[in-house]
Amino acid sequence: MANLTINGKSFTLDVEPDTPLLWAIRENAGLTGTKYGCGIAQCGACTVHMDGVAIRSCGISVAEAEGKKITTIEGLASGSTLHKVQQAWIAKDVPQCGYCQSGMIMAVAALLNEKPKPTDADIDEAITNICRCGTFQQVREAIHTIASA
């Protein structure tokens, strides 16, 4: 059993302590916005926030996540008001296939919380998520749009 706080709600999940957080979120909590990409914490499709820090949920066990505040893409918006990153994604028409975008949005939101006006070097260092459609320029444009607002 694991007790997790996800998007401000408490969940008691019937999982082993070494279960990857990604699977607990998707399969046990039923929050499927966080995606499986590689399973080795490299691609970023599974990015969520743990205590405000972007982490790759496929590489974190539920035991490591207990007692922490987890935010998924489903919890990023405030009610019906989209987060500023989600709004910029729409305005700049960022996604193509969209598969990696929940992880990319979560990584960008964490970057902007830490550095509200990131440089290109900051973006290159922090946003290491993989987008097979190649939307990196649109992502960068969206980040700069938010930073200059």
N, C-alpha and C. Protein backbone atom coordinates (compact mmCIF):
# COMPACT_ATOMS: atom_id res chain seq x y z
N MET A 1 0.84 -1.19 0.00
CA MET A 1 0.00 0.00 0.00
C MET A 1 0.88 1.25 0.00
N ALA A 2 0.43 2.24 -0.72
CA ALA A 2 1.15 3.52 -0.75
C ALA A 2 0.13 4.64 -0.58
N ASN A 3 0.51 5.62 0.21
CA ASN A 3 -0.32 6.81 0.39
C ASN A 3 0.35 7.95 -0.35
N LEU A 4 -0.32 8.43 -1.38
CA LEU A 4 0.24 9.49 -2.23
C LEU A 4 -0.70 10.67 -2.26
N THR A 5 -0.14 11.87 -2.39
CA THR A 5 -0.92 13.08 -2.60
C THR A 5 -0.67 13.51 -4.03
N ILE A 6 -1.71 13.40 -4.85
CA ILE A 6 -1.60 13.72 -6.27
C ILE A 6 -2.65 14.79 -6.59
N ASN A 7 -2.18 15.91 -7.10
CA ASN A 7 -3.06 17.03 -7.46
C ASN A 7 -3.94 17.47 -6.30
N GLY A 8 -3.35 17.43 -5.10
CA GLY A 8 -4.04 17.90 -3.89
C GLY A 8 -5.00 16.90 -3.28
N LYS A 9 -5.10 15.71 -3.85
CA LYS A 9 -5.99 14.68 -3.33
C LYS A 9 -5.18 13.52 -2.77
N SER A 10 -5.67 12.93 -1.70
CA SER A 10 -5.01 11.76 -1.10
C SER A 10 -5.47 10.49 -1.78
N PHE A 11 -4.52 9.63 -2.08
CA PHE A 11 -4.79 8.33 -2.69
C PHE A 11 -4.11 7.26 -1.86
N THR A 12 -4.84 6.21 -1.52
CA THR A 12 -4.25 5.02 -0.94
C THR A 12 -4.30 3.97 -2.03
N LEU A 13 -3.12 3.58 -2.50
CA LEU A 13 -3.04 2.71 -3.67
C LEU A 13 -2.44 1.36 -3.29
N ASP A 14 -3.03 0.31 -3.82
CA ASP A 14 -2.56 -1.05 -3.58
C ASP A 14 -1.45 -1.37 -4.56
N VAL A 15 -0.23 -0.93 -4.22
CA VAL A 15 0.94 -1.14 -5.07
C VAL A 15 2.13 -1.53 -4.19
N GLU A 16 3.10 -2.16 -4.79
CA GLU A 16 4.35 -2.48 -4.10
C GLU A 16 5.19 -1.21 -3.97
N PRO A 17 6.03 -1.11 -2.93
CA PRO A 17 6.84 0.10 -2.72
C PRO A 17 7.77 0.43 -3.90
N ASP A 18 8.20 -0.59 -4.65
CA ASP A 18 9.11 -0.34 -5.76
C ASP A 18 8.41 -0.09 -7.10
N THR A 19 7.08 0.01 -7.06
CA THR A 19 6.33 0.31 -8.28
C THR A 19 6.71 1.70 -8.77
N PRO A 20 7.02 1.85 -10.07
CA PRO A 20 7.31 3.19 -10.58
C PRO A 20 6.10 4.11 -10.39
N LEU A 21 6.39 5.33 -9.97
CA LEU A 21 5.34 6.32 -9.75
C LEU A 21 4.44 6.47 -10.98
N LEU A 22 5.02 6.42 -12.16
CA LEU A 22 4.24 6.54 -13.40
C LEU A 22 3.08 5.55 -13.42
N TRP A 23 3.36 4.29 -13.10
CA TRP A 23 2.31 3.27 -13.17
C TRP A 23 1.28 3.46 -12.07
N ALA A 24 1.71 3.91 -10.90
CA ALA A 24 0.74 4.18 -9.83
C ALA A 24 -0.20 5.31 -10.24
N ILE A 25 0.37 6.35 -10.88
CA ILE A 25 -0.44 7.48 -11.34
C ILE A 25 -1.43 7.03 -12.41
N ARG A 26 -0.93 6.33 -13.42
CA ARG A 26 -1.77 5.95 -14.55
C ARG A 26 -2.75 4.81 -14.23
N GLU A 27 -2.21 3.72 -13.72
CA GLU A 27 -3.01 2.50 -13.57
C GLU A 27 -3.82 2.45 -12.29
N ASN A 28 -3.29 3.02 -11.22
CA ASN A 28 -3.97 2.90 -9.93
C ASN A 28 -4.77 4.15 -9.57
N ALA A 29 -4.23 5.32 -9.86
CA ALA A 29 -4.97 6.56 -9.59
C ALA A 29 -5.87 6.95 -10.76
N GLY A 30 -5.65 6.35 -11.93
CA GLY A 30 -6.50 6.60 -13.09
C GLY A 30 -6.25 7.93 -13.79
N LEU A 31 -5.08 8.52 -13.57
CA LEU A 31 -4.74 9.80 -14.20
C LEU A 31 -3.83 9.51 -15.39
N THR A 32 -4.39 9.49 -16.58
CA THR A 32 -3.66 8.99 -17.75
C THR A 32 -3.02 10.09 -18.61
N GLY A 33 -3.02 11.32 -18.13
CA GLY A 33 -2.37 12.39 -18.89
C GLY A 33 -0.86 12.25 -18.92
N THR A 34 -0.28 11.68 -17.89
CA THR A 34 1.15 11.43 -17.83
C THR A 34 1.42 10.20 -18.69
N LYS A 35 2.35 10.32 -19.62
CA LYS A 35 2.56 9.27 -20.63
C LYS A 35 3.80 8.42 -20.35
N TYR A 36 3.76 7.18 -20.83
CA TYR A 36 4.92 6.30 -20.84
C TYR A 36 5.63 6.51 -22.16
N GLY A 37 6.94 6.75 -22.09
CA GLY A 37 7.70 6.91 -23.32
C GLY A 37 8.80 5.88 -23.45
N CYS A 38 9.74 5.90 -22.51
CA CYS A 38 10.92 5.04 -22.65
C CYS A 38 11.11 4.08 -21.48
N GLY A 39 10.64 4.44 -20.30
CA GLY A 39 10.80 3.60 -19.13
C GLY A 39 12.16 3.69 -18.46
N ILE A 40 13.04 4.56 -18.97
CA ILE A 40 14.38 4.70 -18.38
C ILE A 40 14.70 6.16 -18.02
N ALA A 41 13.67 6.97 -17.85
CA ALA A 41 13.81 8.36 -17.41
C ALA A 41 14.64 9.22 -18.35
N GLN A 42 14.55 8.96 -19.64
CA GLN A 42 15.33 9.73 -20.61
C GLN A 42 14.49 10.66 -21.48
N CYS A 43 13.28 10.24 -21.86
CA CYS A 43 12.53 11.01 -22.86
C CYS A 43 11.70 12.15 -22.29
N GLY A 44 11.23 12.03 -21.05
CA GLY A 44 10.47 13.10 -20.42
C GLY A 44 8.97 13.05 -20.61
N ALA A 45 8.45 12.08 -21.33
CA ALA A 45 7.00 11.99 -21.53
C ALA A 45 6.27 11.81 -20.20
N CYS A 46 6.95 11.25 -19.21
CA CYS A 46 6.33 10.96 -17.91
C CYS A 46 6.59 12.04 -16.87
N THR A 47 7.02 13.22 -17.29
CA THR A 47 7.38 14.28 -16.34
C THR A 47 6.17 14.75 -15.53
N VAL A 48 6.36 14.79 -14.22
CA VAL A 48 5.40 15.35 -13.27
C VAL A 48 6.19 16.24 -12.31
N HIS A 49 5.50 16.94 -11.44
CA HIS A 49 6.18 17.72 -10.41
C HIS A 49 6.10 16.96 -9.09
N MET A 50 7.22 16.90 -8.39
CA MET A 50 7.23 16.35 -7.04
C MET A 50 7.79 17.45 -6.16
N ASP A 51 6.92 17.97 -5.27
CA ASP A 51 7.26 19.13 -4.45
C ASP A 51 7.75 20.28 -5.32
N GLY A 52 7.11 20.46 -6.48
CA GLY A 52 7.40 21.59 -7.36
C GLY A 52 8.55 21.39 -8.32
N VAL A 53 9.24 20.27 -8.22
CA VAL A 53 10.40 20.01 -9.08
C VAL A 53 9.99 19.00 -10.16
N ALA A 54 10.38 19.28 -11.40
CA ALA A 54 10.08 18.35 -12.50
C ALA A 54 10.91 17.09 -12.33
N ILE A 55 10.22 15.95 -12.35
CA ILE A 55 10.90 14.65 -12.25
C ILE A 55 10.32 13.70 -13.29
N ARG A 56 11.07 12.71 -13.64
CA ARG A 56 10.62 11.67 -14.58
C ARG A 56 10.01 10.55 -13.74
N SER A 57 8.70 10.42 -13.80
CA SER A 57 7.98 9.53 -12.89
C SER A 57 8.23 8.05 -13.14
N CYS A 58 8.77 7.69 -14.30
CA CYS A 58 9.07 6.28 -14.54
C CYS A 58 10.30 5.83 -13.76
N GLY A 59 11.11 6.78 -13.30
CA GLY A 59 12.33 6.46 -12.59
C GLY A 59 12.27 6.68 -11.08
N ILE A 60 11.09 6.96 -10.57
CA ILE A 60 10.88 7.20 -9.14
C ILE A 60 9.90 6.15 -8.62
N SER A 61 10.23 5.54 -7.50
CA SER A 61 9.31 4.55 -6.93
C SER A 61 8.24 5.24 -6.09
N VAL A 62 7.14 4.55 -5.87
CA VAL A 62 6.09 5.12 -5.01
C VAL A 62 6.63 5.33 -3.60
N ALA A 63 7.55 4.50 -3.15
CA ALA A 63 8.13 4.68 -1.81
C ALA A 63 8.85 6.02 -1.72
N GLU A 64 9.54 6.41 -2.79
CA GLU A 64 10.24 7.71 -2.81
C GLU A 64 9.26 8.88 -2.88
N ALA A 65 8.07 8.64 -3.39
CA ALA A 65 7.08 9.70 -3.59
C ALA A 65 6.15 9.90 -2.40
N GLU A 66 6.10 8.92 -1.50
CA GLU A 66 5.22 9.06 -0.34
C GLU A 66 5.63 10.28 0.48
N GLY A 67 4.62 11.04 0.91
CA GLY A 67 4.86 12.24 1.71
C GLY A 67 5.20 13.47 0.88
N LYS A 68 5.27 13.30 -0.42
CA LYS A 68 5.58 14.42 -1.32
C LYS A 68 4.30 14.87 -2.02
N LYS A 69 4.31 16.11 -2.49
CA LYS A 69 3.18 16.65 -3.24
C LYS A 69 3.45 16.42 -4.73
N ILE A 70 2.62 15.60 -5.35
CA ILE A 70 2.77 15.26 -6.76
C ILE A 70 1.74 16.05 -7.57
N THR A 71 2.20 16.66 -8.64
CA THR A 71 1.29 17.35 -9.56
C THR A 71 1.47 16.76 -10.94
N THR A 72 0.37 16.35 -11.55
CA THR A 72 0.38 15.84 -12.91
C THR A 72 -0.22 16.90 -13.83
N ILE A 73 -0.23 16.61 -15.11
CA ILE A 73 -0.81 17.55 -16.09
C ILE A 73 -2.27 17.84 -15.75
N GLU A 74 -2.98 16.85 -15.18
CA GLU A 74 -4.38 17.06 -14.83
C GLU A 74 -4.54 18.09 -13.70
N GLY A 75 -3.50 18.28 -12.89
CA GLY A 75 -3.58 19.20 -11.77
C GLY A 75 -2.92 20.55 -12.00
N LEU A 76 -2.41 20.77 -13.22
CA LEU A 76 -1.68 22.01 -13.49
C LEU A 76 -2.62 23.22 -13.61
N ALA A 77 -3.75 23.04 -14.24
CA ALA A 77 -4.72 24.13 -14.39
C ALA A 77 -5.35 24.44 -13.04
N SER A 78 -5.89 25.62 -12.92
CA SER A 78 -6.60 26.02 -11.71
C SER A 78 -8.09 26.03 -12.04
N GLY A 79 -8.76 24.94 -11.70
CA GLY A 79 -10.17 24.82 -12.08
C GLY A 79 -10.29 24.78 -13.59
N SER A 80 -11.09 25.66 -14.14
CA SER A 80 -11.26 25.70 -15.59
C SER A 80 -10.29 26.68 -16.26
N THR A 81 -9.42 27.30 -15.48
CA THR A 81 -8.44 28.24 -16.03
C THR A 81 -7.13 27.50 -16.29
N LEU A 82 -6.76 27.44 -17.56
CA LEU A 82 -5.52 26.76 -17.92
C LEU A 82 -4.31 27.49 -17.36
N HIS A 83 -3.27 26.74 -17.05
CA HIS A 83 -1.99 27.29 -16.63
C HIS A 83 -1.42 28.12 -17.79
N LYS A 84 -0.59 29.10 -17.48
CA LYS A 84 -0.03 29.98 -18.52
C LYS A 84 0.75 29.20 -19.57
N VAL A 85 1.36 28.09 -19.20
CA VAL A 85 2.08 27.28 -20.20
C VAL A 85 1.08 26.60 -21.13
N GLN A 86 0.01 26.07 -20.57
CA GLN A 86 -1.02 25.45 -21.41
C GLN A 86 -1.63 26.48 -22.37
N GLN A 87 -1.86 27.70 -21.87
CA GLN A 87 -2.40 28.76 -22.73
C GLN A 87 -1.43 29.10 -23.86
N ALA A 88 -0.13 29.19 -23.54
CA ALA A 88 0.88 29.51 -24.56
C ALA A 88 0.98 28.38 -25.59
N TRP A 89 0.82 27.14 -25.13
CA TRP A 89 0.88 26.01 -26.05
C TRP A 89 -0.22 26.13 -27.11
N ILE A 90 -1.40 26.54 -26.68
CA ILE A 90 -2.51 26.72 -27.62
C ILE A 90 -2.25 27.91 -28.53
N ALA A 91 -1.85 29.02 -27.93
CA ALA A 91 -1.63 30.26 -28.71
C ALA A 91 -0.53 30.08 -29.76
N LYS A 92 0.50 29.32 -29.44
CA LYS A 92 1.63 29.12 -30.35
C LYS A 92 1.51 27.84 -31.16
N ASP A 93 0.40 27.14 -31.03
CA ASP A 93 0.15 25.91 -31.78
C ASP A 93 1.33 24.94 -31.68
N VAL A 94 1.76 24.69 -30.44
CA VAL A 94 2.97 23.89 -30.20
C VAL A 94 2.81 22.42 -30.58
N PRO A 95 1.79 21.71 -30.09
CA PRO A 95 1.81 20.26 -30.31
C PRO A 95 1.51 19.85 -31.74
N GLN A 96 2.12 18.75 -32.13
CA GLN A 96 1.76 18.10 -33.38
C GLN A 96 1.01 16.82 -33.01
N CYS A 97 1.72 15.73 -32.77
CA CYS A 97 1.00 14.52 -32.37
C CYS A 97 0.51 14.64 -30.93
N GLY A 98 1.26 15.38 -30.09
CA GLY A 98 0.83 15.65 -28.73
C GLY A 98 1.26 14.66 -27.69
N TYR A 99 1.85 13.53 -28.09
CA TYR A 99 2.16 12.48 -27.12
C TYR A 99 3.10 12.96 -26.01
N CYS A 100 4.13 13.68 -26.35
CA CYS A 100 5.12 14.12 -25.36
C CYS A 100 4.72 15.40 -24.64
N GLN A 101 3.66 16.03 -25.08
CA GLN A 101 3.38 17.38 -24.63
C GLN A 101 3.03 17.53 -23.17
N SER A 102 2.38 16.55 -22.56
CA SER A 102 2.08 16.71 -21.12
C SER A 102 3.38 16.78 -20.33
N GLY A 103 4.34 15.93 -20.66
CA GLY A 103 5.64 15.97 -19.99
C GLY A 103 6.40 17.24 -20.30
N MET A 104 6.33 17.69 -21.55
CA MET A 104 7.01 18.92 -21.95
C MET A 104 6.41 20.12 -21.21
N ILE A 105 5.10 20.19 -21.12
CA ILE A 105 4.43 21.28 -20.41
C ILE A 105 4.83 21.29 -18.94
N MET A 106 4.89 20.12 -18.33
CA MET A 106 5.27 20.04 -16.92
C MET A 106 6.71 20.49 -16.71
N ALA A 107 7.60 20.12 -17.62
CA ALA A 107 9.00 20.55 -17.52
C ALA A 107 9.12 22.06 -17.68
N VAL A 108 8.40 22.62 -18.64
CA VAL A 108 8.44 24.07 -18.87
C VAL A 108 7.85 24.82 -17.68
N ALA A 109 6.74 24.33 -17.12
CA ALA A 109 6.13 24.99 -15.96
C ALA A 109 7.12 25.03 -14.79
N ALA A 110 7.84 23.94 -14.57
CA ALA A 110 8.83 23.91 -13.49
C ALA A 110 9.97 24.88 -13.77
N LEU A 111 10.43 24.94 -15.02
CA LEU A 111 11.49 25.88 -15.39
C LEU A 111 11.05 27.31 -15.11
N LEU A 112 9.85 27.66 -15.54
CA LEU A 112 9.36 29.04 -15.37
C LEU A 112 9.11 29.38 -13.90
N ASN A 113 8.79 28.38 -13.08
CA ASN A 113 8.68 28.64 -11.64
C ASN A 113 10.03 28.99 -11.04
N GLU A 114 11.06 28.32 -11.54
CA GLU A 114 12.41 28.55 -11.03
C GLU A 114 13.06 29.79 -11.66
N LYS A 115 12.85 29.96 -12.96
CA LYS A 115 13.45 31.08 -13.70
C LYS A 115 12.38 31.70 -14.59
N PRO A 116 11.68 32.74 -14.10
CA PRO A 116 10.58 33.33 -14.87
C PRO A 116 10.99 33.93 -16.23
N LYS A 117 12.24 34.27 -16.39
CA LYS A 117 12.72 34.83 -17.65
C LYS A 117 13.97 34.06 -18.10
N PRO A 118 13.79 32.81 -18.50
CA PRO A 118 14.95 31.98 -18.85
C PRO A 118 15.60 32.42 -20.16
N THR A 119 16.91 32.23 -20.20
CA THR A 119 17.67 32.47 -21.44
C THR A 119 17.58 31.21 -22.30
N ASP A 120 18.05 31.29 -23.53
CA ASP A 120 18.10 30.09 -24.37
C ASP A 120 18.97 29.01 -23.72
N ALA A 121 20.06 29.42 -23.07
CA ALA A 121 20.93 28.46 -22.38
C ALA A 121 20.18 27.78 -21.23
N ASP A 122 19.37 28.55 -20.49
CA ASP A 122 18.56 27.98 -19.41
C ASP A 122 17.58 26.95 -19.97
N ILE A 123 16.96 27.29 -21.08
CA ILE A 123 15.99 26.39 -21.72
C ILE A 123 16.69 25.11 -22.17
N ASP A 124 17.85 25.27 -22.82
CA ASP A 124 18.59 24.10 -23.30
C ASP A 124 18.98 23.18 -22.15
N GLU A 125 19.35 23.76 -21.01
CA GLU A 125 19.78 22.97 -19.86
C GLU A 125 18.61 22.28 -19.18
N ALA A 126 17.48 22.96 -19.06
CA ALA A 126 16.35 22.43 -18.28
C ALA A 126 15.39 21.56 -19.07
N ILE A 127 15.20 21.88 -20.33
CA ILE A 127 14.20 21.16 -21.12
C ILE A 127 14.91 20.12 -21.98
N THR A 128 15.03 18.92 -21.41
CA THR A 128 15.72 17.83 -22.11
C THR A 128 14.74 16.78 -22.61
N ASN A 129 13.47 17.10 -22.55
CA ASN A 129 12.44 16.18 -23.04
C ASN A 129 12.60 15.98 -24.54
N ILE A 130 12.24 14.80 -25.00
CA ILE A 130 12.34 14.47 -26.42
C ILE A 130 10.97 14.63 -27.07
N CYS A 131 10.97 15.31 -28.21
CA CYS A 131 9.76 15.44 -29.03
C CYS A 131 10.11 14.89 -30.41
N ARG A 132 9.54 13.77 -30.74
CA ARG A 132 9.87 13.14 -32.02
C ARG A 132 9.32 13.91 -33.21
N CYS A 133 8.35 14.78 -32.96
CA CYS A 133 7.80 15.61 -34.05
C CYS A 133 8.66 16.84 -34.29
N GLY A 134 9.58 17.12 -33.38
CA GLY A 134 10.49 18.25 -33.57
C GLY A 134 9.90 19.61 -33.29
N THR A 135 9.08 19.72 -32.26
CA THR A 135 8.43 21.01 -31.96
C THR A 135 9.28 21.90 -31.06
N PHE A 136 10.58 21.66 -30.99
CA PHE A 136 11.44 22.39 -30.07
C PHE A 136 11.42 23.90 -30.29
N GLN A 137 11.37 24.35 -31.54
CA GLN A 137 11.34 25.79 -31.81
C GLN A 137 10.03 26.41 -31.32
N GLN A 138 8.91 25.71 -31.49
CA GLN A 138 7.64 26.21 -30.99
C GLN A 138 7.63 26.23 -29.47
N VAL A 139 8.25 25.24 -28.85
CA VAL A 139 8.35 25.21 -27.39
C VAL A 139 9.15 26.42 -26.91
N ARG A 140 10.28 26.65 -27.53
CA ARG A 140 11.13 27.80 -27.17
C ARG A 140 10.37 29.12 -27.36
N GLU A 141 9.65 29.23 -28.46
CA GLU A 141 8.86 30.45 -28.72
C GLU A 141 7.79 30.65 -27.64
N ALA A 142 7.12 29.57 -27.25
CA ALA A 142 6.11 29.66 -26.21
C ALA A 142 6.72 30.10 -24.88
N ILE A 143 7.89 29.56 -24.56
CA ILE A 143 8.57 29.93 -23.31
C ILE A 143 8.92 31.41 -23.32
N HIS A 144 9.48 31.88 -24.43
CA HIS A 144 9.85 33.31 -24.51
C HIS A 144 8.62 34.22 -24.48
N THR A 145 7.52 33.76 -25.06
CA THR A 145 6.28 34.55 -25.01
C THR A 145 5.81 34.70 -23.57
N ILE A 146 5.83 33.62 -22.81
CA ILE A 146 5.42 33.68 -21.40
C ILE A 146 6.37 34.58 -20.63
N ALA A 147 7.65 34.42 -20.86
CA ALA A 147 8.67 35.19 -20.12
C ALA A 147 8.58 36.69 -20.40
N SER A 148 8.13 37.06 -21.58
CA SER A 148 8.07 38.48 -21.93
C SER A 148 6.72 39.11 -21.59
N ALA A 149 5.79 38.31 -21.10
CA ALA A 149 4.44 38.83 -20.77
C ALA A 149 4.45 39.63 -19.48
